[in-house]
Amino acid sequence: DAVDVGSGPFDNDRFGGYLQVAYRPTQASDVLKNFEPVVRWDFLDQPSGAPMPADQERLTVGMNYWLKSNAVFKVAYVFDDIDDPSGTLRPNDVFLFQFSIGF
């Protein structure tokens, strides 16, 4: 017998996207040229019959500080709203701290 692994109880089409804006004033003073403000908005729409059908919308506001051209320290706050099937809007906000280095 063949096993059907492609179909399920719901349509698994998700839809999402994001928009991000960042600006690093490289021509500014020695202190200011290392800072880069960042704003990002993203969303995810889940199918209604999915096991976790919560839709999600986030707004992230952050600041990057460039130590070198290949090393950055990032701080951000995420306003994360999850709209679960019960109609309840659950905030899931978080602070993010990150250090990245490229080789």
Protein backbone atom coordinates (compact mmCIF):
# COMPACT_ATOMS: atom_id res chain seq x y z
CA ASP A 1 0.00 0.00 0.00
CA ALA A 2 1.18 3.53 -0.80
CA VAL A 3 1.48 6.00 2.06
CA ASP A 4 0.09 9.48 1.44
CA VAL A 5 2.48 11.96 3.08
CA GLY A 6 1.56 15.01 0.98
CA SER A 7 -1.97 15.77 2.08
CA GLY A 8 -3.21 16.76 5.48
CA PRO A 9 -6.19 18.20 7.33
CA PHE A 10 -5.33 21.81 6.34
CA ASP A 11 -3.87 23.86 3.52
CA ASN A 12 -0.23 24.44 4.46
CA ASP A 13 0.22 27.71 2.56
CA ARG A 14 1.89 30.32 4.76
CA PHE A 15 2.46 33.94 3.82
CA GLY A 16 5.00 36.32 5.32
CA GLY A 17 7.46 39.08 4.67
CA TYR A 18 9.53 41.85 6.14
CA LEU A 19 10.72 45.40 5.59
CA GLN A 20 13.98 46.62 7.14
CA VAL A 21 15.53 50.07 7.20
CA ALA A 22 19.03 50.84 8.52
CA TYR A 23 21.29 53.83 8.16
CA ARG A 24 24.97 54.18 9.03
CA PRO A 25 26.25 57.77 8.76
CA THR A 26 29.77 56.93 7.53
CA GLN A 27 30.57 60.58 6.80
CA ALA A 28 29.69 61.77 10.33
CA SER A 29 32.08 62.36 13.24
CA ASP A 30 34.39 59.57 14.43
CA VAL A 31 31.95 58.67 17.21
CA LEU A 32 28.66 58.82 15.28
CA LYS A 33 29.86 56.98 12.17
CA ASN A 34 30.04 53.70 14.10
CA PHE A 35 26.35 53.74 15.11
CA GLU A 36 23.63 52.31 12.86
CA PRO A 37 19.95 52.57 13.86
CA VAL A 38 17.80 49.71 12.54
CA VAL A 39 14.02 49.24 12.28
CA ARG A 40 12.43 46.02 11.01
CA TRP A 41 8.78 45.03 10.59
CA ASP A 42 7.85 41.44 9.77
CA PHE A 43 4.76 39.26 9.71
CA LEU A 44 3.68 35.64 9.26
CA ASP A 45 0.16 34.48 8.41
CA GLN A 46 -0.42 30.81 9.23
CA PRO A 47 -3.19 28.64 7.73
CA SER A 48 -6.24 28.41 9.99
CA GLY A 49 -6.17 24.61 10.34
CA ALA A 50 -2.49 24.33 11.21
CA PRO A 51 -1.43 22.84 14.57
CA MET A 52 -0.18 26.29 15.65
CA PRO A 53 -2.28 28.67 13.52
CA ALA A 54 -1.23 31.84 15.35
CA ASP A 55 -0.48 34.82 13.12
CA GLN A 56 2.51 36.88 14.14
CA GLU A 57 3.55 40.50 13.64
CA ARG A 58 6.79 41.97 14.99
CA LEU A 59 8.43 45.37 15.12
CA THR A 60 12.13 45.42 16.01
CA VAL A 61 13.94 48.63 16.95
CA GLY A 62 17.68 48.43 17.46
CA MET A 63 21.10 49.99 17.37
CA ASN A 64 24.24 48.48 15.88
CA TYR A 65 27.71 49.61 16.89
CA TRP A 66 30.47 48.78 14.42
CA LEU A 67 33.77 48.09 16.19
CA LYS A 68 35.54 47.34 12.88
CA SER A 69 34.29 46.78 9.33
CA ASN A 70 33.84 43.08 10.14
CA ALA A 71 32.74 43.25 13.80
CA VAL A 72 29.43 44.58 15.12
CA PHE A 73 27.62 44.65 18.47
CA LYS A 74 23.81 44.74 18.18
CA VAL A 75 21.14 45.68 20.71
CA ALA A 76 17.44 45.52 19.85
CA TYR A 77 13.98 45.34 21.36
CA VAL A 78 11.31 43.23 19.66
CA PHE A 79 7.62 44.06 20.01
CA ASP A 80 6.19 40.63 19.17
CA ASP A 81 2.42 40.20 18.96
CA ILE A 82 1.00 36.71 18.44
CA ASP A 83 -2.68 36.49 17.51
CA ASP A 84 -3.76 33.00 18.52
CA PRO A 85 -6.97 31.28 17.30
CA SER A 86 -8.88 32.17 20.46
CA GLY A 87 -8.68 35.82 19.40
CA THR A 88 -6.28 36.67 22.22
CA LEU A 89 -3.36 38.93 21.40
CA ARG A 90 -0.34 37.60 23.31
CA PRO A 91 2.65 39.94 23.60
CA ASN A 92 5.96 38.10 23.45
CA ASP A 93 8.42 41.03 23.65
CA VAL A 94 12.14 40.44 24.09
CA PHE A 95 15.53 42.22 24.29
CA LEU A 96 18.21 40.97 21.90
CA PHE A 97 21.98 41.29 22.32
CA GLN A 98 24.32 40.00 19.63
CA PHE A 99 27.96 40.18 18.64
CA SER A 100 28.95 39.22 15.09
CA ILE A 101 32.33 38.95 13.43
CA GLY A 102 33.17 38.07 9.86
CA PHE A 103 36.32 36.47 8.49
